[in-house]
Amino acid sequence: MNESRIKVIITDDSMLFREILAKGLESHPDIHVVAKASDPFDARDKILKYEPDVMICDIQMPKMSGIEFIKRLIPQYPLPVIVVSTLNNVVFDALNAGAVDFVLKPDVRSTGNMESFINEIISKVLIAKNAKVLTSQNTKPVPVKRNERSKFSIIAIGASTGGTEAVYRILKELPEDMPGIVVVQHIPPVFSTMFSQRLNSNTNFNVSEGKNDDIIETGKVIIAPGNKQMEVRKKKGVLKIVCYDGDKKAGHCPSVDVLFSSVAEEVKSEAIGVILTGMGRDGTQGLLKMRFYGAKTIGQDESTSVVYGMPKSAYEAGAVQIQAKLENIPDILVSIIK
């Protein structure tokens, strides 16, 4: 066996699903499934025995839920976990518990869906191998004076792997009178709706999934819909959202580059750009363009990024003015606005 291969454990109560997934993962030359477990207690013993690099874990299982298992596992054994689930909001609870990514669980009877799922989860395993498992979710409160006037009219945020929690942690610490916020998070279509609903319920902001002609204004956060490009356009002096079916940019739709570039062109120096954890280079050119037009730019640092790819690329390209730990970004945003 090639010892450099990524060692994976699959934890799922369906034997059929475990076998199909294992066969699919083993088709990749860099992945080796070292163990399969039927429940969290079985998985715990096999993790200690086989020392896997990545765990794929179902959420709904007998004896203990996947979320509770992750909560107990991560502090003791910081293993990158990819959760698989049928479509419901608990995937975000799993990410909050410490999982690094998620995939929608397919119908095993659909060959086409399974092939797409296998390809997606292989790519996520390759990323997760080098992902940082963050065991502390603590942030400090942000001291802020309310209702101070500012020249800034928009904050644009881009993120990928690890970004759902990073965006949430920033928004929950910001006061509701911040300028309008627009977000591109690499996320599947229906999950982008669920993500916006979760943020709307758990932060001070009015959060919604973007649609054409949405107005960008104080106290409002707009999340790019999955599989659509989202831009900002100024119409009769008012900043509005434009969403459309478009080709992938930097490998993604929605693309951070597309959003950031539009903000640079339309808002120029009255904007703030923030690039967060994620794999690849999406956002680098757009953030560089924002900085060229006079915007303030912030990048998440390596120590708090689940995957230090997008922020690193932007930093090395000279697009990032301020590099900071995730927990300090709310404070920095407030300071810039003031």
C-alpha atoms as a PDB file:
ATOM      1  CA  MET A   1       0.000   0.000   0.000  1.00  0.00           C
ATOM      2  CA  ASN A   2       1.143   3.544  -0.761  1.00  0.00           C
ATOM      3  CA  GLU A   3       1.742   4.964   2.719  1.00  0.00           C
ATOM      4  CA  SER A   4       1.279   8.534   1.475  1.00  0.00           C
ATOM      5  CA  ARG A   5      -2.378   7.951   0.666  1.00  0.00           C
ATOM      6  CA  ILE A   6      -5.030   9.775   2.712  1.00  0.00           C
ATOM      7  CA  LYS A   7      -6.480   7.410   5.310  1.00  0.00           C
ATOM      8  CA  VAL A   8     -10.265   7.704   5.578  1.00  0.00           C
ATOM      9  CA  ILE A   9     -12.811   6.256   7.979  1.00  0.00           C
ATOM     10  CA  ILE A  10     -16.493   6.130   6.967  1.00  0.00           C
ATOM     11  CA  THR A  11     -19.055   6.309   9.775  1.00  0.00           C
ATOM     12  CA  ASP A  12     -22.608   5.573   8.639  1.00  0.00           C
ATOM     13  CA  ASP A  13     -25.338   3.218   9.840  1.00  0.00           C
ATOM     14  CA  SER A  14     -26.161   2.037   6.302  1.00  0.00           C
ATOM     15  CA  MET A  15     -23.929  -0.861   5.257  1.00  0.00           C
ATOM     16  CA  LEU A  16     -24.913  -0.340   1.598  1.00  0.00           C
ATOM     17  CA  PHE A  17     -23.915   3.314   1.710  1.00  0.00           C
ATOM     18  CA  ARG A  18     -20.623   2.516   3.454  1.00  0.00           C
ATOM     19  CA  GLU A  19     -19.683  -0.047   0.806  1.00  0.00           C
ATOM     20  CA  ILE A  20     -20.634   2.143  -2.170  1.00  0.00           C
ATOM     21  CA  LEU A  21     -18.808   5.142  -0.728  1.00  0.00           C
ATOM     22  CA  ALA A  22     -15.718   3.102   0.121  1.00  0.00           C
ATOM     23  CA  LYS A  23     -15.552   1.701  -3.400  1.00  0.00           C
ATOM     24  CA  GLY A  24     -15.903   5.178  -4.874  1.00  0.00           C
ATOM     25  CA  LEU A  25     -13.207   6.687  -2.664  1.00  0.00           C
ATOM     26  CA  GLU A  26     -10.812   3.821  -3.328  1.00  0.00           C
ATOM     27  CA  SER A  27     -11.034   4.607  -7.046  1.00  0.00           C
ATOM     28  CA  HIS A  28      -8.823   7.618  -6.365  1.00  0.00           C
ATOM     29  CA  PRO A  29      -5.119   6.710  -6.176  1.00  0.00           C
ATOM     30  CA  ASP A  30      -4.465   9.096  -3.260  1.00  0.00           C
ATOM     31  CA  ILE A  31      -7.243   7.829  -0.972  1.00  0.00           C
ATOM     32  CA  HIS A  32      -7.399   4.657   1.132  1.00  0.00           C
ATOM     33  CA  VAL A  33     -10.418   3.700   3.253  1.00  0.00           C
ATOM     34  CA  VAL A  34      -8.837   2.186   6.356  1.00  0.00           C
ATOM     35  CA  ALA A  35     -12.056   1.555   8.295  1.00  0.00           C
ATOM     36  CA  LYS A  36     -15.853   1.565   8.147  1.00  0.00           C
ATOM     37  CA  ALA A  37     -17.986   2.078  11.254  1.00  0.00           C
ATOM     38  CA  SER A  38     -21.706   1.590  11.836  1.00  0.00           C
ATOM     39  CA  ASP A  39     -22.090   4.032  14.739  1.00  0.00           C
ATOM     40  CA  PRO A  40     -20.046   6.544  16.783  1.00  0.00           C
ATOM     41  CA  PHE A  41     -18.913   3.989  19.384  1.00  0.00           C
ATOM     42  CA  ASP A  42     -17.634   1.684  16.672  1.00  0.00           C
ATOM     43  CA  ALA A  43     -15.955   4.682  15.015  1.00  0.00           C
ATOM     44  CA  ARG A  44     -14.267   5.765  18.247  1.00  0.00           C
ATOM     45  CA  ASP A  45     -12.514   2.422  18.621  1.00  0.00           C
ATOM     46  CA  LYS A  46     -11.458   2.307  14.972  1.00  0.00           C
ATOM     47  CA  ILE A  47     -10.152   5.887  15.018  1.00  0.00           C
ATOM     48  CA  LEU A  48      -7.826   4.934  17.863  1.00  0.00           C
ATOM     49  CA  LYS A  49      -6.760   1.745  16.059  1.00  0.00           C
ATOM     50  CA  TYR A  50      -6.280   3.027  12.486  1.00  0.00           C
ATOM     51  CA  GLU A  51      -5.434   6.729  13.074  1.00  0.00           C
ATOM     52  CA  PRO A  52      -7.244   8.041   9.969  1.00  0.00           C
ATOM     53  CA  ASP A  53      -6.506  11.427   8.389  1.00  0.00           C
ATOM     54  CA  VAL A  54     -10.148  12.251   7.571  1.00  0.00           C
ATOM     55  CA  MET A  55     -13.550  11.006   8.754  1.00  0.00           C
ATOM     56  CA  ILE A  56     -16.735  11.002   6.684  1.00  0.00           C
ATOM     57  CA  CYS A  57     -19.663  10.952   9.095  1.00  0.00           C
ATOM     58  CA  ASP A  58     -23.434  10.710   8.797  1.00  0.00           C
ATOM     59  CA  ILE A  59     -25.505  12.918  11.106  1.00  0.00           C
ATOM     60  CA  GLN A  60     -28.465  10.663  11.825  1.00  0.00           C
ATOM     61  CA  MET A  61     -27.171   7.472  13.446  1.00  0.00           C
ATOM     62  CA  PRO A  62     -28.170   5.073  16.244  1.00  0.00           C
ATOM     63  CA  LYS A  63     -26.778   5.377  19.801  1.00  0.00           C
ATOM     64  CA  MET A  64     -25.465   8.926  19.266  1.00  0.00           C
ATOM     65  CA  SER A  65     -26.040  11.619  16.622  1.00  0.00           C
ATOM     66  CA  GLY A  66     -23.187  12.613  14.376  1.00  0.00           C
ATOM     67  CA  ILE A  67     -23.283  16.133  15.827  1.00  0.00           C
ATOM     68  CA  GLU A  68     -22.901  14.947  19.396  1.00  0.00           C
ATOM     69  CA  PHE A  69     -20.121  12.597  18.283  1.00  0.00           C
ATOM     70  CA  ILE A  70     -18.228  15.441  16.610  1.00  0.00           C
ATOM     71  CA  LYS A  71     -18.635  17.636  19.700  1.00  0.00           C
ATOM     72  CA  ARG A  72     -17.107  14.924  21.873  1.00  0.00           C
ATOM     73  CA  LEU A  73     -14.469  13.806  19.375  1.00  0.00           C
ATOM     74  CA  ILE A  74     -12.873  17.051  18.203  1.00  0.00           C
ATOM     75  CA  PRO A  75     -11.536  18.313  21.572  1.00  0.00           C
ATOM     76  CA  GLN A  76      -9.898  14.919  22.204  1.00  0.00           C
ATOM     77  CA  TYR A  77      -8.948  13.949  18.655  1.00  0.00           C
ATOM     78  CA  PRO A  78      -8.874  16.923  16.237  1.00  0.00           C
ATOM     79  CA  LEU A  79      -9.705  14.948  13.113  1.00  0.00           C
ATOM     80  CA  PRO A  80     -11.017  16.711   9.966  1.00  0.00           C
ATOM     81  CA  VAL A  81     -14.652  15.602   9.569  1.00  0.00           C
ATOM     82  CA  ILE A  82     -16.817  15.824   6.457  1.00  0.00           C
ATOM     83  CA  VAL A  83     -20.487  15.360   7.302  1.00  0.00           C
ATOM     84  CA  VAL A  84     -23.003  13.804   4.933  1.00  0.00           C
ATOM     85  CA  SER A  85     -26.673  14.386   5.460  1.00  0.00           C
ATOM     86  CA  THR A  86     -30.060  14.535   3.838  1.00  0.00           C
ATOM     87  CA  LEU A  87     -31.249  18.095   3.301  1.00  0.00           C
ATOM     88  CA  ASN A  88     -31.816  19.819   6.627  1.00  0.00           C
ATOM     89  CA  ASN A  89     -30.393  22.575   8.788  1.00  0.00           C
ATOM     90  CA  VAL A  90     -28.440  20.277  11.096  1.00  0.00           C
ATOM     91  CA  VAL A  91     -25.426  20.355   8.766  1.00  0.00           C
ATOM     92  CA  PHE A  92     -24.722  23.867  10.071  1.00  0.00           C
ATOM     93  CA  ASP A  93     -24.904  22.573  13.634  1.00  0.00           C
ATOM     94  CA  ALA A  94     -22.295  19.986  12.622  1.00  0.00           C
ATOM     95  CA  LEU A  95     -20.037  22.695  11.184  1.00  0.00           C
ATOM     96  CA  ASN A  96     -20.473  24.684  14.375  1.00  0.00           C
ATOM     97  CA  ALA A  97     -19.467  21.558  16.333  1.00  0.00           C
ATOM     98  CA  GLY A  98     -16.172  21.382  14.417  1.00  0.00           C
ATOM     99  CA  ALA A  99     -16.737  19.613  11.087  1.00  0.00           C
ATOM    100  CA  VAL A 100     -14.741  21.164   8.244  1.00  0.00           C
ATOM    101  CA  ASP A 101     -17.184  20.550   5.372  1.00  0.00           C
ATOM    102  CA  PHE A 102     -20.398  18.841   4.307  1.00  0.00           C
ATOM    103  CA  VAL A 103     -21.954  17.047   1.338  1.00  0.00           C
ATOM    104  CA  LEU A 104     -25.609  16.400   0.584  1.00  0.00           C
ATOM    105  CA  LYS A 105     -26.340  12.688   0.942  1.00  0.00           C
ATOM    106  CA  PRO A 106     -27.657  11.238  -2.331  1.00  0.00           C
ATOM    107  CA  ASP A 107     -30.175   8.520  -3.101  1.00  0.00           C
ATOM    108  CA  VAL A 108     -28.050   5.391  -3.494  1.00  0.00           C
ATOM    109  CA  ARG A 109     -30.550   4.087  -6.075  1.00  0.00           C
ATOM    110  CA  SER A 110     -29.655   6.914  -8.475  1.00  0.00           C
ATOM    111  CA  THR A 111     -26.456   6.061 -10.367  1.00  0.00           C
ATOM    112  CA  GLY A 112     -26.009   9.586 -11.711  1.00  0.00           C
ATOM    113  CA  ASN A 113     -26.442  11.187  -8.298  1.00  0.00           C
ATOM    114  CA  MET A 114     -23.983   8.758  -6.710  1.00  0.00           C
ATOM    115  CA  GLU A 115     -21.321   9.432  -9.346  1.00  0.00           C
ATOM    116  CA  SER A 116     -21.644  13.172  -8.794  1.00  0.00           C
ATOM    117  CA  PHE A 117     -21.559  12.654  -5.027  1.00  0.00           C
ATOM    118  CA  ILE A 118     -18.422  10.482  -5.187  1.00  0.00           C
ATOM    119  CA  ASN A 119     -16.610  13.084  -7.305  1.00  0.00           C
ATOM    120  CA  GLU A 120     -17.599  15.847  -4.899  1.00  0.00           C
ATOM    121  CA  ILE A 121     -16.611  13.991  -1.767  1.00  0.00           C
ATOM    122  CA  ILE A 122     -13.262  12.934  -3.257  1.00  0.00           C
ATOM    123  CA  SER A 123     -12.415  16.601  -3.870  1.00  0.00           C
ATOM    124  CA  LYS A 124     -13.448  17.492  -0.324  1.00  0.00           C
ATOM    125  CA  VAL A 125     -11.359  14.665   1.177  1.00  0.00           C
ATOM    126  CA  LEU A 126      -8.301  15.928  -0.699  1.00  0.00           C
ATOM    127  CA  ILE A 127      -8.889  19.407   0.769  1.00  0.00           C
ATOM    128  CA  ALA A 128      -9.771  18.165   4.266  1.00  0.00           C
ATOM    129  CA  LYS A 129      -6.484  16.262   4.609  1.00  0.00           C
ATOM    130  CA  ASN A 130      -4.693  19.587   5.131  1.00  0.00           C
ATOM    131  CA  ALA A 131      -7.554  21.456   6.794  1.00  0.00           C
ATOM    132  CA  LYS A 132      -7.068  22.932  10.248  1.00  0.00           C
ATOM    133  CA  VAL A 133      -9.543  21.683  12.859  1.00  0.00           C
ATOM    134  CA  LEU A 134     -10.565  24.606  15.037  1.00  0.00           C
ATOM    135  CA  THR A 135     -11.561  23.477  18.516  1.00  0.00           C
ATOM    136  CA  SER A 136     -12.376  26.862  20.041  1.00  0.00           C
ATOM    137  CA  GLN A 137     -15.405  28.857  18.912  1.00  0.00           C
ATOM    138  CA  ASN A 138     -14.924  31.666  21.408  1.00  0.00           C
ATOM    139  CA  THR A 139     -14.936  35.282  20.307  1.00  0.00           C
ATOM    140  CA  LYS A 140     -14.801  38.440  22.378  1.00  0.00           C
ATOM    141  CA  PRO A 141     -17.520  41.095  22.322  1.00  0.00           C
ATOM    142  CA  VAL A 142     -16.925  44.137  20.157  1.00  0.00           C
ATOM    143  CA  PRO A 143     -17.013  47.538  21.876  1.00  0.00           C
ATOM    144  CA  VAL A 144     -18.761  49.919  19.481  1.00  0.00           C
ATOM    145  CA  LYS A 145     -20.361  53.334  19.484  1.00  0.00           C
ATOM    146  CA  ARG A 146     -23.629  53.321  17.590  1.00  0.00           C
ATOM    147  CA  ASN A 147     -24.935  55.599  14.848  1.00  0.00           C
ATOM    148  CA  GLU A 148     -21.618  57.104  13.806  1.00  0.00           C
ATOM    149  CA  ARG A 149     -21.502  58.380  10.250  1.00  0.00           C
ATOM    150  CA  SER A 150     -19.105  56.715   7.842  1.00  0.00           C
ATOM    151  CA  LYS A 151     -18.088  57.085   4.228  1.00  0.00           C
ATOM    152  CA  PHE A 152     -18.299  53.314   3.757  1.00  0.00           C
ATOM    153  CA  SER A 153     -21.460  52.028   2.097  1.00  0.00           C
ATOM    154  CA  ILE A 154     -20.746  48.308   1.691  1.00  0.00           C
ATOM    155  CA  ILE A 155     -18.772  45.386   3.138  1.00  0.00           C
ATOM    156  CA  ALA A 156     -18.082  42.507   0.717  1.00  0.00           C
ATOM    157  CA  ILE A 157     -17.086  39.105   2.129  1.00  0.00           C
ATOM    158  CA  GLY A 158     -15.823  36.020   0.268  1.00  0.00           C
ATOM    159  CA  ALA A 159     -15.265  32.527   1.707  1.00  0.00           C
ATOM    160  CA  SER A 160     -15.136  28.805   0.892  1.00  0.00           C
ATOM    161  CA  THR A 161     -14.196  25.765   3.036  1.00  0.00           C
ATOM    162  CA  GLY A 162     -14.759  26.662   6.692  1.00  0.00           C
ATOM    163  CA  GLY A 163     -16.493  29.861   5.645  1.00  0.00           C
ATOM    164  CA  THR A 164     -20.006  29.202   6.908  1.00  0.00           C
ATOM    165  CA  GLU A 165     -18.774  29.297  10.493  1.00  0.00           C
ATOM    166  CA  ALA A 166     -16.304  32.131   9.838  1.00  0.00           C
ATOM    167  CA  VAL A 167     -19.022  34.338   8.332  1.00  0.00           C
ATOM    168  CA  TYR A 168     -21.386  33.475  11.188  1.00  0.00           C
ATOM    169  CA  ARG A 169     -18.796  34.297  13.833  1.00  0.00           C
ATOM    170  CA  ILE A 170     -18.122  37.694  12.264  1.00  0.00           C
ATOM    171  CA  LEU A 171     -21.769  38.653  11.808  1.00  0.00           C
ATOM    172  CA  LYS A 172     -22.851  37.623  15.287  1.00  0.00           C
ATOM    173  CA  GLU A 173     -20.292  40.039  16.794  1.00  0.00           C
ATOM    174  CA  LEU A 174     -21.149  43.060  14.629  1.00  0.00           C
ATOM    175  CA  PRO A 175     -23.718  45.728  15.522  1.00  0.00           C
ATOM    176  CA  GLU A 176     -26.787  45.924  13.289  1.00  0.00           C
ATOM    177  CA  ASP A 177     -26.024  49.473  12.131  1.00  0.00           C
ATOM    178  CA  MET A 178     -23.098  48.387   9.962  1.00  0.00           C
ATOM    179  CA  PRO A 179     -23.196  49.245   6.234  1.00  0.00           C
ATOM    180  CA  GLY A 180     -24.895  46.717   3.948  1.00  0.00           C
ATOM    181  CA  ILE A 181     -23.007  43.423   3.721  1.00  0.00           C
ATOM    182  CA  VAL A 182     -22.803  41.140   0.663  1.00  0.00           C
ATOM    183  CA  VAL A 183     -21.412  37.613   0.890  1.00  0.00           C
ATOM    184  CA  VAL A 184     -20.233  34.964  -1.550  1.00  0.00           C
ATOM    185  CA  GLN A 185     -19.838  31.602   0.172  1.00  0.00           C
ATOM    186  CA  HIS A 186     -19.055  28.580  -2.007  1.00  0.00           C
ATOM    187  CA  ILE A 187     -22.106  26.472  -1.186  1.00  0.00           C
ATOM    188  CA  PRO A 188     -24.693  24.352  -3.048  1.00  0.00           C
ATOM    189  CA  PRO A 189     -27.935  26.083  -4.108  1.00  0.00           C
ATOM    190  CA  VAL A 190     -30.469  24.982  -1.502  1.00  0.00           C
ATOM    191  CA  PHE A 191     -27.894  25.170   1.285  1.00  0.00           C
ATOM    192  CA  SER A 192     -27.374  28.865   0.482  1.00  0.00           C
ATOM    193  CA  THR A 193     -31.045  29.425   1.339  1.00  0.00           C
ATOM    194  CA  MET A 194     -30.667  27.489   4.595  1.00  0.00           C
ATOM    195  CA  PHE A 195     -27.454  29.356   5.397  1.00  0.00           C
ATOM    196  CA  SER A 196     -29.138  32.744   4.998  1.00  0.00           C
ATOM    197  CA  GLN A 197     -32.060  31.595   7.173  1.00  0.00           C
ATOM    198  CA  ARG A 198     -29.695  30.429   9.910  1.00  0.00           C
ATOM    199  CA  LEU A 199     -27.834  33.753   9.894  1.00  0.00           C
ATOM    200  CA  ASN A 200     -31.112  35.659   9.918  1.00  0.00           C
ATOM    201  CA  SER A 201     -32.249  33.763  13.025  1.00  0.00           C
ATOM    202  CA  ASN A 202     -28.952  33.979  14.928  1.00  0.00           C
ATOM    203  CA  THR A 203     -27.486  37.431  14.229  1.00  0.00           C
ATOM    204  CA  ASN A 204     -28.599  41.047  14.576  1.00  0.00           C
ATOM    205  CA  PHE A 205     -29.013  41.414  10.821  1.00  0.00           C
ATOM    206  CA  ASN A 206     -31.793  41.046   8.281  1.00  0.00           C
ATOM    207  CA  VAL A 207     -30.220  38.248   6.206  1.00  0.00           C
ATOM    208  CA  SER A 208     -31.618  36.972   2.913  1.00  0.00           C
ATOM    209  CA  GLU A 209     -30.559  35.123  -0.199  1.00  0.00           C
ATOM    210  CA  GLY A 210     -29.853  37.554  -3.015  1.00  0.00           C
ATOM    211  CA  LYS A 211     -32.269  38.297  -5.825  1.00  0.00           C
ATOM    212  CA  ASN A 212     -32.366  40.939  -8.535  1.00  0.00           C
ATOM    213  CA  ASP A 213     -32.867  44.534  -7.388  1.00  0.00           C
ATOM    214  CA  ASP A 214     -32.405  43.790  -3.675  1.00  0.00           C
ATOM    215  CA  ILE A 215     -31.255  47.054  -2.097  1.00  0.00           C
ATOM    216  CA  ILE A 216     -27.991  47.016  -0.145  1.00  0.00           C
ATOM    217  CA  GLU A 217     -28.556  49.016   3.020  1.00  0.00           C
ATOM    218  CA  THR A 218     -27.662  49.364   6.690  1.00  0.00           C
ATOM    219  CA  GLY A 219     -28.484  46.335   8.805  1.00  0.00           C
ATOM    220  CA  LYS A 220     -28.942  44.029   5.832  1.00  0.00           C
ATOM    221  CA  VAL A 221     -26.856  41.032   4.728  1.00  0.00           C
ATOM    222  CA  ILE A 222     -27.293  39.438   1.288  1.00  0.00           C
ATOM    223  CA  ILE A 223     -25.954  35.932   0.565  1.00  0.00           C
ATOM    224  CA  ALA A 224     -25.216  34.931  -3.035  1.00  0.00           C
ATOM    225  CA  PRO A 225     -27.530  32.126  -4.190  1.00  0.00           C
ATOM    226  CA  GLY A 226     -25.797  28.865  -5.046  1.00  0.00           C
ATOM    227  CA  ASN A 227     -25.119  28.315  -8.774  1.00  0.00           C
ATOM    228  CA  LYS A 228     -25.677  31.999  -9.638  1.00  0.00           C
ATOM    229  CA  GLN A 229     -23.205  34.822 -10.020  1.00  0.00           C
ATOM    230  CA  MET A 230     -23.941  37.882  -7.883  1.00  0.00           C
ATOM    231  CA  GLU A 231     -22.824  41.441  -8.577  1.00  0.00           C
ATOM    232  CA  VAL A 232     -23.395  44.882  -7.101  1.00  0.00           C
ATOM    233  CA  ARG A 233     -24.655  47.647  -9.391  1.00  0.00           C
ATOM    234  CA  LYS A 234     -25.465  51.282  -8.680  1.00  0.00           C
ATOM    235  CA  LYS A 235     -28.859  52.242 -10.108  1.00  0.00           C
ATOM    236  CA  LYS A 236     -29.912  55.888  -9.780  1.00  0.00           C
ATOM    237  CA  GLY A 237     -27.501  56.275  -6.882  1.00  0.00           C
ATOM    238  CA  VAL A 238     -28.765  53.193  -5.041  1.00  0.00           C
ATOM    239  CA  LEU A 239     -26.665  50.045  -4.608  1.00  0.00           C
ATOM    240  CA  LYS A 240     -28.580  46.964  -5.736  1.00  0.00           C
ATOM    241  CA  ILE A 241     -27.986  43.251  -6.332  1.00  0.00           C
ATOM    242  CA  VAL A 242     -27.862  41.603  -9.752  1.00  0.00           C
ATOM    243  CA  CYS A 243     -28.016  37.781  -9.886  1.00  0.00           C
ATOM    244  CA  TYR A 244     -27.670  35.751 -13.065  1.00  0.00           C
ATOM    245  CA  ASP A 245     -26.794  32.347 -14.494  1.00  0.00           C
ATOM    246  CA  GLY A 246     -23.166  32.628 -15.526  1.00  0.00           C
ATOM    247  CA  ASP A 247     -20.048  30.637 -16.270  1.00  0.00           C
ATOM    248  CA  LYS A 248     -17.755  29.687 -13.422  1.00  0.00           C
ATOM    249  CA  LYS A 249     -15.035  32.215 -12.581  1.00  0.00           C
ATOM    250  CA  ALA A 250     -11.916  30.978 -10.792  1.00  0.00           C
ATOM    251  CA  GLY A 251     -13.687  27.602 -10.782  1.00  0.00           C
ATOM    252  CA  HIS A 252     -16.777  28.779  -8.933  1.00  0.00           C
ATOM    253  CA  CYS A 253     -20.343  29.988  -9.341  1.00  0.00           C
ATOM    254  CA  PRO A 254     -20.998  32.072  -7.317  1.00  0.00           C
ATOM    255  CA  SER A 255     -17.504  33.524  -7.514  1.00  0.00           C
ATOM    256  CA  VAL A 256     -15.862  35.862  -5.018  1.00  0.00           C
ATOM    257  CA  ASP A 257     -13.922  37.458  -7.882  1.00  0.00           C
ATOM    258  CA  VAL A 258     -17.149  38.374  -9.676  1.00  0.00           C
ATOM    259  CA  LEU A 259     -18.628  40.019  -6.564  1.00  0.00           C
ATOM    260  CA  PHE A 260     -15.429  41.823  -5.537  1.00  0.00           C
ATOM    261  CA  SER A 261     -14.783  43.120  -9.068  1.00  0.00           C
ATOM    262  CA  SER A 262     -18.276  44.599  -9.288  1.00  0.00           C
ATOM    263  CA  VAL A 263     -17.864  46.252  -5.877  1.00  0.00           C
ATOM    264  CA  ALA A 264     -14.538  47.745  -7.000  1.00  0.00           C
ATOM    265  CA  GLU A 265     -16.105  49.207 -10.142  1.00  0.00           C
ATOM    266  CA  GLU A 266     -19.309  50.511  -8.554  1.00  0.00           C
ATOM    267  CA  VAL A 267     -18.278  51.553  -5.035  1.00  0.00           C
ATOM    268  CA  LYS A 268     -14.525  52.178  -5.286  1.00  0.00           C
ATOM    269  CA  SER A 269     -13.043  53.649  -2.068  1.00  0.00           C
ATOM    270  CA  GLU A 270     -16.336  53.483  -0.143  1.00  0.00           C
ATOM    271  CA  ALA A 271     -16.076  49.698   0.191  1.00  0.00           C
ATOM    272  CA  ILE A 272     -14.417  47.166   2.494  1.00  0.00           C
ATOM    273  CA  GLY A 273     -13.405  43.717   1.221  1.00  0.00           C
ATOM    274  CA  VAL A 274     -12.869  40.687   3.463  1.00  0.00           C
ATOM    275  CA  ILE A 275     -11.462  37.361   2.252  1.00  0.00           C
ATOM    276  CA  LEU A 276     -11.816  34.353   4.532  1.00  0.00           C
ATOM    277  CA  THR A 277     -10.826  30.695   4.768  1.00  0.00           C
ATOM    278  CA  GLY A 278     -11.043  28.545   1.643  1.00  0.00           C
ATOM    279  CA  MET A 279      -9.194  26.498  -0.961  1.00  0.00           C
ATOM    280  CA  GLY A 280      -7.849  28.017  -4.158  1.00  0.00           C
ATOM    281  CA  ARG A 281      -7.461  31.536  -5.546  1.00  0.00           C
ATOM    282  CA  ASP A 282     -11.013  32.791  -5.952  1.00  0.00           C
ATOM    283  CA  GLY A 283     -11.202  36.376  -4.713  1.00  0.00           C
ATOM    284  CA  THR A 284      -7.558  37.300  -5.296  1.00  0.00           C
ATOM    285  CA  GLN A 285      -8.058  39.309  -8.496  1.00  0.00           C
ATOM    286  CA  GLY A 286     -11.277  40.888  -7.267  1.00  0.00           C
ATOM    287  CA  LEU A 287      -9.768  41.970  -3.932  1.00  0.00           C
ATOM    288  CA  LEU A 288      -6.699  43.311  -5.747  1.00  0.00           C
ATOM    289  CA  LYS A 289      -9.036  45.365  -7.931  1.00  0.00           C
ATOM    290  CA  MET A 290     -10.854  46.657  -4.851  1.00  0.00           C
ATOM    291  CA  ARG A 291      -7.572  47.758  -3.305  1.00  0.00           C
ATOM    292  CA  PHE A 292      -6.541  49.439  -6.576  1.00  0.00           C
ATOM    293  CA  TYR A 293      -9.745  51.500  -6.472  1.00  0.00           C
ATOM    294  CA  GLY A 294      -9.061  52.578  -2.873  1.00  0.00           C
ATOM    295  CA  ALA A 295     -11.131  50.134  -0.837  1.00  0.00           C
ATOM    296  CA  LYS A 296      -9.963  48.805   2.531  1.00  0.00           C
ATOM    297  CA  THR A 297      -9.083  45.099   2.402  1.00  0.00           C
ATOM    298  CA  ILE A 298      -8.795  42.447   5.120  1.00  0.00           C
ATOM    299  CA  GLY A 299      -7.597  38.841   4.954  1.00  0.00           C
ATOM    300  CA  GLN A 300      -7.990  36.055   7.520  1.00  0.00           C
ATOM    301  CA  ASP A 301      -4.680  34.782   8.890  1.00  0.00           C
ATOM    302  CA  GLU A 302      -3.339  31.235   8.637  1.00  0.00           C
ATOM    303  CA  SER A 303      -3.749  30.311  12.306  1.00  0.00           C
ATOM    304  CA  THR A 304      -7.556  30.717  12.269  1.00  0.00           C
ATOM    305  CA  SER A 305      -8.255  29.539   8.694  1.00  0.00           C
ATOM    306  CA  VAL A 306      -9.590  26.021   8.214  1.00  0.00           C
ATOM    307  CA  VAL A 307      -7.893  26.119   4.797  1.00  0.00           C
ATOM    308  CA  TYR A 308      -5.350  28.903   4.251  1.00  0.00           C
ATOM    309  CA  GLY A 309      -5.691  29.021   0.471  1.00  0.00           C
ATOM    310  CA  MET A 310      -7.784  31.985  -0.674  1.00  0.00           C
ATOM    311  CA  PRO A 311      -6.493  34.369   2.032  1.00  0.00           C
ATOM    312  CA  LYS A 312      -2.898  33.311   1.350  1.00  0.00           C
ATOM    313  CA  SER A 313      -3.247  33.824  -2.398  1.00  0.00           C
ATOM    314  CA  ALA A 314      -4.740  37.290  -1.884  1.00  0.00           C
ATOM    315  CA  TYR A 315      -2.093  38.229   0.675  1.00  0.00           C
ATOM    316  CA  GLU A 316       0.796  37.096  -1.534  1.00  0.00           C
ATOM    317  CA  ALA A 317      -0.662  39.045  -4.479  1.00  0.00           C
ATOM    318  CA  GLY A 318      -0.649  42.250  -2.417  1.00  0.00           C
ATOM    319  CA  ALA A 319      -4.446  42.474  -2.239  1.00  0.00           C
ATOM    320  CA  VAL A 320      -4.644  42.351   1.574  1.00  0.00           C
ATOM    321  CA  GLN A 321      -3.909  45.494   3.596  1.00  0.00           C
ATOM    322  CA  ILE A 322      -4.699  44.017   7.017  1.00  0.00           C
ATOM    323  CA  GLN A 323      -4.179  40.352   7.890  1.00  0.00           C
ATOM    324  CA  ALA A 324      -5.927  39.297  11.075  1.00  0.00           C
ATOM    325  CA  LYS A 325      -7.191  36.444  13.222  1.00  0.00           C
ATOM    326  CA  LEU A 326     -10.858  35.652  12.662  1.00  0.00           C
ATOM    327  CA  GLU A 327     -11.858  36.788  16.170  1.00  0.00           C
ATOM    328  CA  ASN A 328     -10.297  40.222  15.557  1.00  0.00           C
ATOM    329  CA  ILE A 329     -11.996  40.950  12.234  1.00  0.00           C
ATOM    330  CA  PRO A 330     -15.252  42.328  13.754  1.00  0.00           C
ATOM    331  CA  ASP A 331     -13.244  44.810  15.838  1.00  0.00           C
ATOM    332  CA  ILE A 332     -11.232  45.852  12.788  1.00  0.00           C
ATOM    333  CA  LEU A 333     -14.377  46.359  10.704  1.00  0.00           C
ATOM    334  CA  VAL A 334     -15.910  48.541  13.412  1.00  0.00           C
ATOM    335  CA  SER A 335     -12.677  50.568  13.703  1.00  0.00           C
ATOM    336  CA  ILE A 336     -12.573  51.157   9.947  1.00  0.00           C
ATOM    337  CA  ILE A 337     -16.227  52.195   9.841  1.00  0.00           C
ATOM    338  CA  LYS A 338     -15.683  54.629  12.724  1.00  0.00           C
END
